[in-house]
């Protein structure tokens, strides 16, 4: 299950805090999942990840996926993710959360399994509802303002991108590719350098055409 974090409402469209929603929508379109349905206090689309993932997996099979955008507001995302995960009976490492990350420069994308939550209230809500933090995260760098003032930081993440539309589209494509890489690794059960079929604790993305 892929979870994109963001806030509902048109006033939040195009903001840094909603990059998770945008990546989720990109993946739904890539995979041809069709119209999302209202379930689990969110918008969810189900199907198979029919794209480059299928061609790289053994036997060419496509993994079944659900793409969820909680409508609970960012900081209460767990109230949507928890019931969805329970319904699908998923292990924690089969939940992948895509979210904005101010501690990464704009354009950088990193994948992590578990680890600290860096004060992200949305991730804290998910951890609380899932009973642990060992879920996957794709951290999408949106940059940090030149200030530690909480109001300025808040205005930054809730504000719209100042980068060009092309730069934002490239960032979204890079994050979507990173999600697909995580699916491939999980589906093949391959070792990713940490002694298991999981990705390393903090795996950087590759070039815009695909992950390293």
N, C-alpha and C. Protein backbone atom coordinates (compact mmCIF):
# COMPACT_ATOMS: atom_id res chain seq x y z
N UNK A 1 0.84 -1.19 0.00
CA UNK A 1 0.00 0.00 0.00
C UNK A 1 0.88 1.24 0.00
N UNK A 2 0.66 2.11 -0.97
CA UNK A 2 1.40 3.37 -1.06
C UNK A 2 0.51 4.47 -0.52
N UNK A 3 1.03 5.25 0.41
CA UNK A 3 0.29 6.34 1.04
C UNK A 3 0.94 7.66 0.68
N UNK A 4 0.19 8.56 0.07
CA UNK A 4 0.69 9.90 -0.20
C UNK A 4 0.14 10.86 0.85
N UNK A 5 1.02 11.60 1.51
CA UNK A 5 0.58 12.53 2.55
C UNK A 5 0.31 13.92 1.97
N UNK A 6 -0.71 14.57 2.53
CA UNK A 6 -1.06 15.92 2.11
C UNK A 6 -2.30 16.38 2.86
N UNK A 7 -2.77 17.56 2.52
CA UNK A 7 -3.98 18.13 3.11
C UNK A 7 -5.07 18.23 2.04
N UNK A 8 -6.31 17.88 2.37
CA UNK A 8 -7.40 18.03 1.41
C UNK A 8 -7.78 19.49 1.22
N UNK A 9 -8.46 19.78 0.12
CA UNK A 9 -8.93 21.14 -0.14
C UNK A 9 -8.11 21.84 -1.19
N UNK A 10 -8.80 22.62 -2.03
CA UNK A 10 -8.11 23.30 -3.13
C UNK A 10 -7.07 24.30 -2.64
N UNK A 11 -7.29 24.84 -1.45
CA UNK A 11 -6.34 25.84 -0.95
C UNK A 11 -4.96 25.24 -0.70
N UNK A 12 -4.88 23.91 -0.62
CA UNK A 12 -3.60 23.25 -0.38
C UNK A 12 -2.97 22.68 -1.64
N UNK A 13 -3.68 22.76 -2.75
CA UNK A 13 -3.13 22.26 -4.01
C UNK A 13 -1.84 23.00 -4.37
N UNK A 14 -0.85 22.25 -4.81
CA UNK A 14 0.39 22.86 -5.26
C UNK A 14 1.35 23.26 -4.17
N UNK A 15 1.06 22.93 -2.91
CA UNK A 15 1.96 23.28 -1.81
C UNK A 15 2.99 22.18 -1.59
N UNK A 16 4.09 22.54 -0.96
CA UNK A 16 5.14 21.56 -0.68
C UNK A 16 4.62 20.41 0.19
N UNK A 17 3.76 20.75 1.14
CA UNK A 17 3.24 19.74 2.06
C UNK A 17 2.38 18.69 1.35
N UNK A 18 1.95 18.99 0.13
CA UNK A 18 1.07 18.08 -0.61
C UNK A 18 1.79 17.29 -1.69
N UNK A 19 3.11 17.30 -1.66
CA UNK A 19 3.85 16.58 -2.69
C UNK A 19 3.53 15.09 -2.66
N UNK A 20 3.21 14.55 -1.49
CA UNK A 20 2.84 13.14 -1.39
C UNK A 20 1.59 12.82 -2.19
N UNK A 21 0.60 13.72 -2.14
CA UNK A 21 -0.61 13.55 -2.94
C UNK A 21 -0.27 13.53 -4.44
N UNK A 22 0.62 14.44 -4.84
CA UNK A 22 0.95 14.56 -6.26
C UNK A 22 1.67 13.30 -6.76
N UNK A 23 2.59 12.79 -5.97
CA UNK A 23 3.30 11.56 -6.35
C UNK A 23 2.32 10.39 -6.41
N UNK A 24 1.40 10.31 -5.45
CA UNK A 24 0.40 9.25 -5.45
C UNK A 24 -0.45 9.30 -6.71
N UNK A 25 -0.85 10.50 -7.11
CA UNK A 25 -1.64 10.65 -8.33
C UNK A 25 -0.84 10.24 -9.56
N UNK A 26 0.44 10.61 -9.58
CA UNK A 26 1.31 10.22 -10.69
C UNK A 26 1.40 8.69 -10.80
N UNK A 27 1.54 8.02 -9.68
CA UNK A 27 1.63 6.56 -9.69
C UNK A 27 0.31 5.93 -10.14
N UNK A 28 -0.81 6.46 -9.67
CA UNK A 28 -2.12 5.94 -10.09
C UNK A 28 -2.28 6.05 -11.61
N UNK A 29 -1.83 7.16 -12.17
CA UNK A 29 -1.92 7.35 -13.62
C UNK A 29 -0.96 6.43 -14.37
N UNK A 30 0.26 6.29 -13.87
CA UNK A 30 1.23 5.40 -14.50
C UNK A 30 0.70 3.97 -14.56
N UNK A 31 0.08 3.55 -13.48
CA UNK A 31 -0.36 2.17 -13.35
C UNK A 31 -1.78 1.94 -13.87
N UNK A 32 -2.46 3.00 -14.29
CA UNK A 32 -3.80 2.86 -14.82
C UNK A 32 -4.79 2.32 -13.80
N UNK A 33 -4.72 2.82 -12.58
CA UNK A 33 -5.58 2.29 -11.51
C UNK A 33 -7.02 2.77 -11.60
N UNK A 34 -7.28 3.80 -12.36
CA UNK A 34 -8.65 4.28 -12.50
C UNK A 34 -9.05 5.20 -11.36
N UNK A 35 -10.36 5.46 -11.28
CA UNK A 35 -10.88 6.44 -10.33
C UNK A 35 -10.74 5.94 -8.89
N UNK A 36 -10.29 6.83 -8.02
CA UNK A 36 -10.18 6.50 -6.60
C UNK A 36 -11.56 6.49 -5.95
N UNK A 37 -11.70 5.68 -4.90
CA UNK A 37 -12.95 5.58 -4.17
C UNK A 37 -12.77 6.15 -2.76
N UNK A 38 -13.86 6.58 -2.17
CA UNK A 38 -13.84 7.08 -0.80
C UNK A 38 -13.93 5.91 0.17
N UNK A 39 -12.82 5.59 0.83
CA UNK A 39 -12.76 4.53 1.83
C UNK A 39 -11.71 4.89 2.86
N UNK A 40 -11.86 4.37 4.05
CA UNK A 40 -10.85 4.52 5.10
C UNK A 40 -10.52 5.99 5.39
N UNK A 41 -11.52 6.86 5.30
CA UNK A 41 -11.29 8.29 5.50
C UNK A 41 -10.25 8.83 4.53
N UNK A 42 -10.25 8.30 3.34
CA UNK A 42 -9.31 8.74 2.32
C UNK A 42 -9.83 8.44 0.93
N UNK A 43 -8.99 8.70 -0.03
CA UNK A 43 -9.27 8.36 -1.43
C UNK A 43 -8.29 7.26 -1.82
N UNK A 44 -8.82 6.12 -2.28
CA UNK A 44 -7.97 4.97 -2.52
C UNK A 44 -8.28 4.35 -3.87
N UNK A 45 -7.23 3.99 -4.60
CA UNK A 45 -7.34 3.31 -5.89
C UNK A 45 -6.57 2.00 -5.80
N UNK A 46 -7.11 0.95 -6.40
CA UNK A 46 -6.50 -0.37 -6.33
C UNK A 46 -6.28 -0.94 -7.72
N UNK A 47 -5.33 -1.86 -7.82
CA UNK A 47 -5.08 -2.53 -9.09
C UNK A 47 -3.69 -3.12 -9.10
N UNK A 48 -3.10 -3.17 -10.30
CA UNK A 48 -1.74 -3.69 -10.44
C UNK A 48 -0.82 -2.61 -10.98
N UNK A 49 0.43 -2.65 -10.53
CA UNK A 49 1.42 -1.66 -10.95
C UNK A 49 1.93 -2.03 -12.33
N UNK A 50 1.13 -1.77 -13.35
CA UNK A 50 1.46 -2.17 -14.71
C UNK A 50 2.29 -1.06 -15.37
N UNK A 51 3.60 -1.19 -15.26
CA UNK A 51 4.50 -0.20 -15.86
C UNK A 51 5.86 -0.83 -15.98
N UNK A 52 6.90 -0.03 -15.85
CA UNK A 52 8.26 -0.57 -15.92
C UNK A 52 8.49 -1.62 -14.86
N UNK A 53 7.76 -1.55 -13.75
CA UNK A 53 7.93 -2.52 -12.68
C UNK A 53 7.70 -3.93 -13.20
N UNK A 54 6.63 -4.12 -13.99
CA UNK A 54 6.26 -5.46 -14.45
C UNK A 54 7.36 -6.08 -15.28
N UNK A 55 8.00 -5.27 -16.14
CA UNK A 55 9.03 -5.80 -17.01
C UNK A 55 10.29 -6.21 -16.27
N UNK A 56 10.52 -5.66 -15.08
CA UNK A 56 11.74 -5.96 -14.36
C UNK A 56 11.56 -7.04 -13.32
N UNK A 57 10.33 -7.40 -13.05
CA UNK A 57 10.08 -8.43 -12.05
C UNK A 57 10.18 -9.82 -12.67
N UNK A 58 10.58 -10.77 -11.91
CA UNK A 58 10.69 -12.14 -12.39
C UNK A 58 9.36 -12.62 -12.92
N UNK A 59 9.36 -13.15 -14.14
CA UNK A 59 8.14 -13.64 -14.74
C UNK A 59 7.26 -12.56 -15.32
N UNK A 60 7.64 -11.30 -15.16
CA UNK A 60 6.86 -10.21 -15.72
C UNK A 60 5.55 -9.94 -15.00
N UNK A 61 5.35 -10.51 -13.82
CA UNK A 61 4.10 -10.27 -13.09
C UNK A 61 4.11 -8.88 -12.47
N UNK A 62 2.93 -8.31 -12.29
CA UNK A 62 2.80 -6.97 -11.71
C UNK A 62 2.27 -7.08 -10.29
N UNK A 63 2.88 -6.39 -9.33
CA UNK A 63 2.40 -6.47 -7.95
C UNK A 63 1.05 -5.78 -7.79
N UNK A 64 0.20 -6.34 -6.95
CA UNK A 64 -1.05 -5.67 -6.60
C UNK A 64 -0.75 -4.53 -5.65
N UNK A 65 -1.40 -3.40 -5.88
CA UNK A 65 -1.14 -2.20 -5.09
C UNK A 65 -2.45 -1.51 -4.73
N UNK A 66 -2.38 -0.74 -3.68
CA UNK A 66 -3.44 0.21 -3.33
C UNK A 66 -2.74 1.54 -3.07
N UNK A 67 -3.27 2.61 -3.65
CA UNK A 67 -2.70 3.95 -3.47
C UNK A 67 -3.70 4.79 -2.69
N UNK A 68 -3.30 5.21 -1.51
CA UNK A 68 -4.19 5.90 -0.57
C UNK A 68 -3.74 7.33 -0.33
N UNK A 69 -4.68 8.27 -0.42
CA UNK A 69 -4.45 9.66 -0.03
C UNK A 69 -5.40 9.98 1.12
N UNK A 70 -4.91 9.96 2.36
CA UNK A 70 -5.78 10.26 3.50
C UNK A 70 -6.41 11.64 3.38
N UNK A 71 -7.68 11.74 3.76
CA UNK A 71 -8.40 13.02 3.74
C UNK A 71 -8.64 13.53 5.15
N UNK A 72 -7.84 13.09 6.08
CA UNK A 72 -7.98 13.43 7.50
C UNK A 72 -7.19 14.67 7.88
N UNK A 73 -6.50 15.26 6.96
CA UNK A 73 -5.47 16.25 7.15
C UNK A 73 -4.18 15.55 7.57
N UNK A 74 -3.10 16.16 7.16
CA UNK A 74 -1.76 15.58 7.23
C UNK A 74 -1.44 15.00 8.61
N UNK A 75 -1.67 15.79 9.65
CA UNK A 75 -1.22 15.39 10.98
C UNK A 75 -2.03 14.26 11.59
N UNK A 76 -3.17 13.91 11.00
CA UNK A 76 -4.00 12.81 11.49
C UNK A 76 -4.06 11.66 10.48
N UNK A 77 -3.05 11.55 9.63
CA UNK A 77 -3.08 10.56 8.56
C UNK A 77 -3.24 9.13 9.07
N UNK A 78 -2.77 8.86 10.27
CA UNK A 78 -2.88 7.51 10.81
C UNK A 78 -4.31 7.02 10.94
N UNK A 79 -5.25 7.94 11.12
CA UNK A 79 -6.66 7.55 11.24
C UNK A 79 -7.19 6.98 9.93
N UNK A 80 -6.52 7.24 8.84
CA UNK A 80 -6.86 6.65 7.55
C UNK A 80 -5.99 5.43 7.26
N UNK A 81 -4.69 5.57 7.50
CA UNK A 81 -3.75 4.50 7.16
C UNK A 81 -3.96 3.27 8.02
N UNK A 82 -4.24 3.46 9.31
CA UNK A 82 -4.42 2.32 10.21
C UNK A 82 -5.55 1.39 9.78
N UNK A 83 -6.76 1.91 9.58
CA UNK A 83 -7.85 1.03 9.12
C UNK A 83 -7.58 0.40 7.76
N UNK A 84 -6.94 1.12 6.85
CA UNK A 84 -6.65 0.56 5.53
C UNK A 84 -5.66 -0.60 5.66
N UNK A 85 -4.61 -0.39 6.41
CA UNK A 85 -3.63 -1.46 6.61
C UNK A 85 -4.28 -2.67 7.27
N UNK A 86 -5.17 -2.44 8.24
CA UNK A 86 -5.84 -3.55 8.89
C UNK A 86 -6.74 -4.32 7.94
N UNK A 87 -7.43 -3.61 7.06
CA UNK A 87 -8.31 -4.26 6.10
C UNK A 87 -7.55 -5.15 5.13
N UNK A 88 -6.38 -4.68 4.70
CA UNK A 88 -5.57 -5.45 3.75
C UNK A 88 -4.66 -6.47 4.45
N UNK A 89 -4.59 -6.39 5.78
CA UNK A 89 -3.76 -7.32 6.56
C UNK A 89 -2.30 -7.31 6.10
N UNK A 90 -1.76 -6.11 6.02
CA UNK A 90 -0.40 -5.93 5.51
C UNK A 90 0.63 -5.90 6.63
N UNK A 91 1.80 -6.49 6.37
CA UNK A 91 2.94 -6.30 7.25
C UNK A 91 3.37 -4.84 7.18
N UNK A 92 4.02 -4.36 8.23
CA UNK A 92 4.42 -2.95 8.27
C UNK A 92 5.30 -2.57 7.08
N UNK A 93 6.21 -3.47 6.68
CA UNK A 93 7.12 -3.11 5.59
C UNK A 93 6.46 -3.22 4.22
N UNK A 94 5.16 -3.49 4.19
CA UNK A 94 4.39 -3.43 2.93
C UNK A 94 3.54 -2.16 2.88
N UNK A 95 3.79 -1.26 3.81
CA UNK A 95 3.20 0.09 3.78
C UNK A 95 4.32 1.06 3.44
N UNK A 96 4.11 1.88 2.41
CA UNK A 96 5.12 2.85 1.98
C UNK A 96 4.48 4.24 1.96
N UNK A 97 5.08 5.16 2.69
CA UNK A 97 4.54 6.51 2.83
C UNK A 97 5.42 7.49 2.05
N UNK A 98 4.81 8.29 1.19
CA UNK A 98 5.50 9.32 0.43
C UNK A 98 5.20 10.67 1.08
N UNK A 99 6.23 11.41 1.45
CA UNK A 99 5.99 12.67 2.16
C UNK A 99 7.08 13.69 1.85
N UNK A 100 6.76 14.95 2.09
CA UNK A 100 7.73 16.03 1.94
C UNK A 100 8.76 15.96 3.05
N UNK A 101 9.97 16.41 2.74
CA UNK A 101 11.06 16.38 3.71
C UNK A 101 11.86 17.67 3.62
N UNK A 102 11.74 18.53 4.65
CA UNK A 102 12.44 19.80 4.61
C UNK A 102 13.92 19.65 4.90
N UNK A 103 14.34 18.51 5.46
CA UNK A 103 15.75 18.31 5.76
C UNK A 103 16.53 17.76 4.57
N UNK A 104 15.88 17.67 3.41
CA UNK A 104 16.56 17.33 2.16
C UNK A 104 16.44 18.51 1.21
N UNK A 105 17.47 18.80 0.45
CA UNK A 105 17.39 19.89 -0.54
C UNK A 105 16.31 19.60 -1.57
N UNK A 106 15.76 20.64 -2.14
CA UNK A 106 14.78 20.45 -3.20
C UNK A 106 15.38 19.58 -4.30
N UNK A 107 14.60 18.57 -4.74
CA UNK A 107 15.04 17.71 -5.82
C UNK A 107 15.65 16.40 -5.37
N UNK A 108 16.04 16.29 -4.11
CA UNK A 108 16.63 15.05 -3.62
C UNK A 108 15.54 14.13 -3.09
N UNK A 109 15.65 12.84 -3.37
CA UNK A 109 14.68 11.85 -2.91
C UNK A 109 15.43 10.70 -2.26
N UNK A 110 14.98 10.29 -1.09
CA UNK A 110 15.62 9.17 -0.40
C UNK A 110 14.57 8.20 0.12
N UNK A 111 14.94 6.93 0.13
CA UNK A 111 14.07 5.88 0.63
C UNK A 111 14.61 5.36 1.95
N UNK A 112 13.72 5.14 2.89
CA UNK A 112 14.13 4.68 4.21
C UNK A 112 13.12 3.67 4.74
N UNK A 113 13.63 2.69 5.44
CA UNK A 113 12.77 1.77 6.18
C UNK A 113 12.91 2.07 7.66
N UNK A 114 11.82 2.44 8.32
CA UNK A 114 11.86 2.73 9.74
C UNK A 114 12.71 3.96 10.04
N UNK A 115 13.28 3.98 11.23
CA UNK A 115 14.12 5.11 11.64
C UNK A 115 13.32 6.20 12.32
N UNK A 116 14.00 7.32 12.60
CA UNK A 116 13.37 8.43 13.29
C UNK A 116 12.35 9.14 12.43
N UNK A 117 11.47 9.90 13.08
CA UNK A 117 10.39 10.58 12.38
C UNK A 117 10.63 12.08 12.25
N UNK A 118 11.72 12.57 12.82
CA UNK A 118 12.17 13.96 12.63
C UNK A 118 11.07 14.98 12.88
N UNK A 119 10.22 14.73 13.88
CA UNK A 119 9.18 15.70 14.23
C UNK A 119 8.02 15.77 13.26
N UNK A 120 7.93 14.84 12.30
CA UNK A 120 6.85 14.87 11.32
C UNK A 120 5.58 14.32 11.96
N UNK A 121 4.60 15.19 12.19
CA UNK A 121 3.40 14.77 12.91
C UNK A 121 2.55 13.78 12.13
N UNK A 122 2.59 13.84 10.80
CA UNK A 122 1.87 12.86 10.01
C UNK A 122 2.44 11.46 10.21
N UNK A 123 3.78 11.36 10.19
CA UNK A 123 4.42 10.06 10.41
C UNK A 123 4.20 9.57 11.84
N UNK A 124 4.19 10.50 12.80
CA UNK A 124 3.91 10.11 14.18
C UNK A 124 2.51 9.52 14.31
N UNK A 125 1.55 10.13 13.64
CA UNK A 125 0.18 9.63 13.66
C UNK A 125 0.11 8.22 13.05
N UNK A 126 0.83 8.02 11.96
CA UNK A 126 0.84 6.70 11.32
C UNK A 126 1.50 5.67 12.23
N UNK A 127 2.62 6.04 12.83
CA UNK A 127 3.29 5.12 13.75
C UNK A 127 2.36 4.72 14.90
N UNK A 128 1.66 5.69 15.43
CA UNK A 128 0.76 5.41 16.54
C UNK A 128 -0.34 4.42 16.14
N UNK A 129 -0.91 4.61 14.97
CA UNK A 129 -2.02 3.76 14.53
C UNK A 129 -1.55 2.39 14.04
N UNK A 130 -0.32 2.33 13.50
CA UNK A 130 0.20 1.05 13.01
C UNK A 130 0.89 0.25 14.10
N UNK A 131 1.20 0.89 15.22
CA UNK A 131 1.84 0.18 16.32
C UNK A 131 3.35 0.05 16.17
N UNK A 132 3.94 0.78 15.23
CA UNK A 132 5.38 0.73 15.04
C UNK A 132 5.79 1.64 13.90
N UNK A 133 7.10 1.85 13.79
CA UNK A 133 7.62 2.77 12.77
C UNK A 133 8.34 2.05 11.63
N UNK A 134 8.24 0.72 11.57
CA UNK A 134 8.97 -0.03 10.55
C UNK A 134 8.22 -0.11 9.23
N UNK A 135 7.73 1.04 8.78
CA UNK A 135 7.14 1.13 7.45
C UNK A 135 8.11 1.88 6.55
N UNK A 136 7.93 1.71 5.24
CA UNK A 136 8.80 2.36 4.27
C UNK A 136 8.42 3.83 4.14
N UNK A 137 9.41 4.67 3.83
CA UNK A 137 9.14 6.07 3.52
C UNK A 137 9.93 6.47 2.27
N UNK A 138 9.31 7.19 1.41
CA UNK A 138 10.01 7.88 0.33
C UNK A 138 9.96 9.36 0.68
N UNK A 139 11.12 9.92 1.01
CA UNK A 139 11.25 11.28 1.51
C UNK A 139 11.58 12.20 0.33
N UNK A 140 10.70 13.13 0.05
CA UNK A 140 10.82 13.99 -1.12
C UNK A 140 11.32 15.36 -0.67
N UNK A 141 12.52 15.71 -1.07
CA UNK A 141 13.14 16.94 -0.61
C UNK A 141 12.46 18.19 -1.13
N UNK A 142 12.01 19.04 -0.22
CA UNK A 142 11.40 20.32 -0.60
C UNK A 142 12.22 21.50 -0.08
N UNK A 143 13.36 21.21 0.56
CA UNK A 143 14.22 22.28 1.04
C UNK A 143 13.74 22.92 2.32
N UNK A 144 14.66 23.62 2.98
CA UNK A 144 14.37 24.29 4.25
C UNK A 144 14.63 25.79 4.08
N UNK A 145 13.79 26.63 4.66
CA UNK A 145 14.05 28.08 4.57
C UNK A 145 15.27 28.47 5.39
N UNK A 146 15.79 29.65 5.15
CA UNK A 146 16.97 30.14 5.86
C UNK A 146 16.58 30.72 7.22
N UNK A 147 15.83 29.93 7.96
CA UNK A 147 15.39 30.37 9.29
C UNK A 147 14.90 29.15 10.06
N UNK A 148 15.09 29.18 11.37
CA UNK A 148 14.56 28.12 12.23
C UNK A 148 13.28 28.56 12.93
N UNK A 149 12.82 29.77 12.63
CA UNK A 149 11.57 30.27 13.22
C UNK A 149 10.42 29.35 12.81
N UNK A 150 9.69 28.77 13.77
CA UNK A 150 8.63 27.81 13.45
C UNK A 150 7.58 28.37 12.49
N UNK A 151 7.26 29.66 12.62
CA UNK A 151 6.25 30.25 11.74
C UNK A 151 6.76 30.34 10.30
N UNK A 152 8.04 30.65 10.16
CA UNK A 152 8.62 30.73 8.82
C UNK A 152 8.72 29.35 8.19
N UNK A 153 9.12 28.36 9.00
CA UNK A 153 9.20 26.99 8.51
C UNK A 153 7.83 26.49 8.09
N UNK A 154 6.82 26.78 8.92
CA UNK A 154 5.46 26.36 8.60
C UNK A 154 4.97 27.01 7.31
N UNK A 155 5.24 28.30 7.16
CA UNK A 155 4.84 29.00 5.94
C UNK A 155 5.53 28.42 4.72
N UNK A 156 6.76 27.96 4.91
CA UNK A 156 7.51 27.36 3.80
C UNK A 156 6.85 26.08 3.32
N UNK A 157 6.56 25.15 4.25
CA UNK A 157 6.01 23.86 3.82
C UNK A 157 4.57 24.00 3.35
N UNK A 158 3.84 24.97 3.89
CA UNK A 158 2.45 25.16 3.48
C UNK A 158 2.33 26.07 2.26
N UNK A 159 3.47 26.62 1.83
CA UNK A 159 3.46 27.49 0.67
C UNK A 159 3.66 26.72 -0.62
N UNK A 160 3.44 27.39 -1.73
CA UNK A 160 3.60 26.77 -3.04
C UNK A 160 5.06 26.82 -3.49
N UNK A 161 5.38 25.91 -4.38
CA UNK A 161 6.75 25.84 -4.89
C UNK A 161 7.12 27.12 -5.63
N UNK A 162 8.34 27.59 -5.41
CA UNK A 162 8.87 28.71 -6.17
C UNK A 162 9.67 28.22 -7.38
N UNK A 163 10.00 26.93 -7.38
CA UNK A 163 10.70 26.35 -8.51
C UNK A 163 9.76 26.27 -9.71
N UNK A 164 10.33 26.09 -10.88
CA UNK A 164 9.53 26.03 -12.10
C UNK A 164 8.67 24.77 -12.13
N UNK A 165 7.62 24.82 -12.95
CA UNK A 165 6.74 23.66 -13.10
C UNK A 165 7.52 22.46 -13.60
N UNK A 166 8.49 22.68 -14.49
CA UNK A 166 9.30 21.58 -15.01
C UNK A 166 10.14 20.95 -13.90
N UNK A 167 10.70 21.77 -13.02
CA UNK A 167 11.51 21.24 -11.92
C UNK A 167 10.66 20.43 -10.95
N UNK A 168 9.46 20.90 -10.68
CA UNK A 168 8.57 20.16 -9.78
C UNK A 168 8.14 18.85 -10.43
N UNK A 169 7.83 18.88 -11.73
CA UNK A 169 7.45 17.66 -12.44
C UNK A 169 8.58 16.64 -12.43
N UNK A 170 9.80 17.11 -12.57
CA UNK A 170 10.96 16.22 -12.52
C UNK A 170 11.10 15.58 -11.14
N UNK A 171 10.87 16.38 -10.10
CA UNK A 171 10.93 15.86 -8.73
C UNK A 171 9.86 14.78 -8.52
N UNK A 172 8.65 15.04 -9.00
CA UNK A 172 7.56 14.06 -8.86
C UNK A 172 7.92 12.77 -9.58
N UNK A 173 8.46 12.88 -10.79
CA UNK A 173 8.84 11.70 -11.56
C UNK A 173 9.93 10.90 -10.85
N UNK A 174 10.89 11.62 -10.25
CA UNK A 174 11.97 10.95 -9.53
C UNK A 174 11.42 10.20 -8.31
N UNK A 175 10.50 10.83 -7.59
CA UNK A 175 9.92 10.17 -6.42
C UNK A 175 9.09 8.96 -6.82
N UNK A 176 8.33 9.08 -7.91
CA UNK A 176 7.54 7.94 -8.38
C UNK A 176 8.44 6.78 -8.78
N UNK A 177 9.56 7.09 -9.44
CA UNK A 177 10.51 6.04 -9.81
C UNK A 177 11.09 5.36 -8.58
N UNK A 178 11.30 6.13 -7.53
CA UNK A 178 11.84 5.57 -6.29
C UNK A 178 10.83 4.62 -5.65
N UNK A 179 9.55 4.95 -5.71
CA UNK A 179 8.52 4.04 -5.20
C UNK A 179 8.53 2.74 -6.01
N UNK A 180 8.64 2.86 -7.33
CA UNK A 180 8.67 1.66 -8.17
C UNK A 180 9.89 0.80 -7.85
N UNK A 181 11.01 1.43 -7.57
CA UNK A 181 12.20 0.68 -7.19
C UNK A 181 11.96 -0.10 -5.90
N UNK A 182 11.27 0.52 -4.95
CA UNK A 182 10.97 -0.17 -3.70
C UNK A 182 10.07 -1.38 -3.95
N UNK A 183 9.11 -1.23 -4.87
CA UNK A 183 8.23 -2.35 -5.19
C UNK A 183 8.99 -3.49 -5.84
N UNK A 184 9.92 -3.17 -6.72
CA UNK A 184 10.71 -4.20 -7.38
C UNK A 184 11.54 -4.96 -6.35
N UNK A 185 12.20 -4.23 -5.46
CA UNK A 185 13.02 -4.88 -4.45
C UNK A 185 12.22 -5.80 -3.57
N UNK A 186 11.02 -5.36 -3.17
CA UNK A 186 10.17 -6.17 -2.31
C UNK A 186 9.66 -7.39 -3.06
N UNK A 187 9.24 -7.17 -4.32
CA UNK A 187 8.64 -8.26 -5.07
C UNK A 187 9.62 -9.38 -5.38
N UNK A 188 10.90 -9.04 -5.60
CA UNK A 188 11.88 -10.05 -5.94
C UNK A 188 12.54 -10.65 -4.72
N UNK A 189 12.28 -10.06 -3.53
CA UNK A 189 12.91 -10.57 -2.33
C UNK A 189 14.42 -10.40 -2.36
N UNK A 190 14.90 -9.43 -3.10
CA UNK A 190 16.35 -9.26 -3.28
C UNK A 190 16.97 -8.56 -2.09
N UNK A 191 18.22 -8.88 -1.81
CA UNK A 191 18.96 -8.18 -0.77
C UNK A 191 19.35 -6.81 -1.29
N UNK A 192 19.22 -5.78 -0.46
CA UNK A 192 19.53 -4.41 -0.87
C UNK A 192 20.68 -3.86 -0.05
N UNK A 193 21.53 -4.72 0.48
CA UNK A 193 22.72 -4.25 1.16
C UNK A 193 22.59 -4.21 2.67
N UNK A 194 21.44 -4.64 3.23
CA UNK A 194 21.30 -4.62 4.69
C UNK A 194 20.95 -5.99 5.23
N UNK A 195 21.21 -7.04 4.44
CA UNK A 195 21.02 -8.39 4.94
C UNK A 195 19.60 -8.88 4.89
N UNK A 196 18.70 -8.17 4.20
CA UNK A 196 17.31 -8.60 4.10
C UNK A 196 16.78 -8.17 2.76
N UNK A 197 15.47 -8.39 2.55
CA UNK A 197 14.87 -7.95 1.29
C UNK A 197 14.42 -6.51 1.35
N UNK A 198 14.76 -5.80 2.40
CA UNK A 198 14.38 -4.41 2.56
C UNK A 198 15.45 -3.49 2.01
N UNK A 199 15.04 -2.26 1.71
CA UNK A 199 15.99 -1.26 1.27
C UNK A 199 16.85 -0.81 2.43
N UNK A 200 18.05 -0.28 2.16
CA UNK A 200 18.86 0.27 3.23
C UNK A 200 18.14 1.38 3.97
N UNK A 201 18.66 1.73 5.13
CA UNK A 201 17.97 2.71 5.98
C UNK A 201 17.79 4.05 5.30
N UNK A 202 18.70 4.42 4.42
CA UNK A 202 18.58 5.73 3.77
C UNK A 202 19.19 5.64 2.39
N UNK A 203 18.41 5.18 1.43
CA UNK A 203 18.91 4.91 0.08
C UNK A 203 18.62 6.08 -0.83
N UNK A 204 19.65 6.73 -1.41
CA UNK A 204 19.41 7.91 -2.24
C UNK A 204 18.87 7.54 -3.61
N UNK A 205 18.16 8.47 -4.22
CA UNK A 205 17.66 8.25 -5.56
C UNK A 205 18.77 8.39 -6.57
N UNK A 206 18.49 7.92 -7.80
CA UNK A 206 19.43 8.07 -8.88
C UNK A 206 19.07 9.28 -9.72
N UNK A 207 19.34 9.17 -11.05
CA UNK A 207 19.04 10.31 -11.91
C UNK A 207 17.55 10.35 -12.20
N UNK A 208 17.05 11.46 -12.81
CA UNK A 208 15.62 11.59 -13.03
C UNK A 208 15.01 10.49 -13.86
N UNK A 209 15.81 9.78 -14.66
CA UNK A 209 15.26 8.72 -15.48
C UNK A 209 15.01 7.45 -14.72
N UNK A 210 15.49 7.31 -13.51
CA UNK A 210 15.27 6.09 -12.74
C UNK A 210 16.19 6.04 -11.56
N UNK A 211 15.83 5.29 -10.54
CA UNK A 211 16.61 5.23 -9.32
C UNK A 211 17.90 4.43 -9.50
N UNK A 212 18.86 4.71 -8.64
CA UNK A 212 20.13 3.99 -8.70
C UNK A 212 19.95 2.58 -8.18
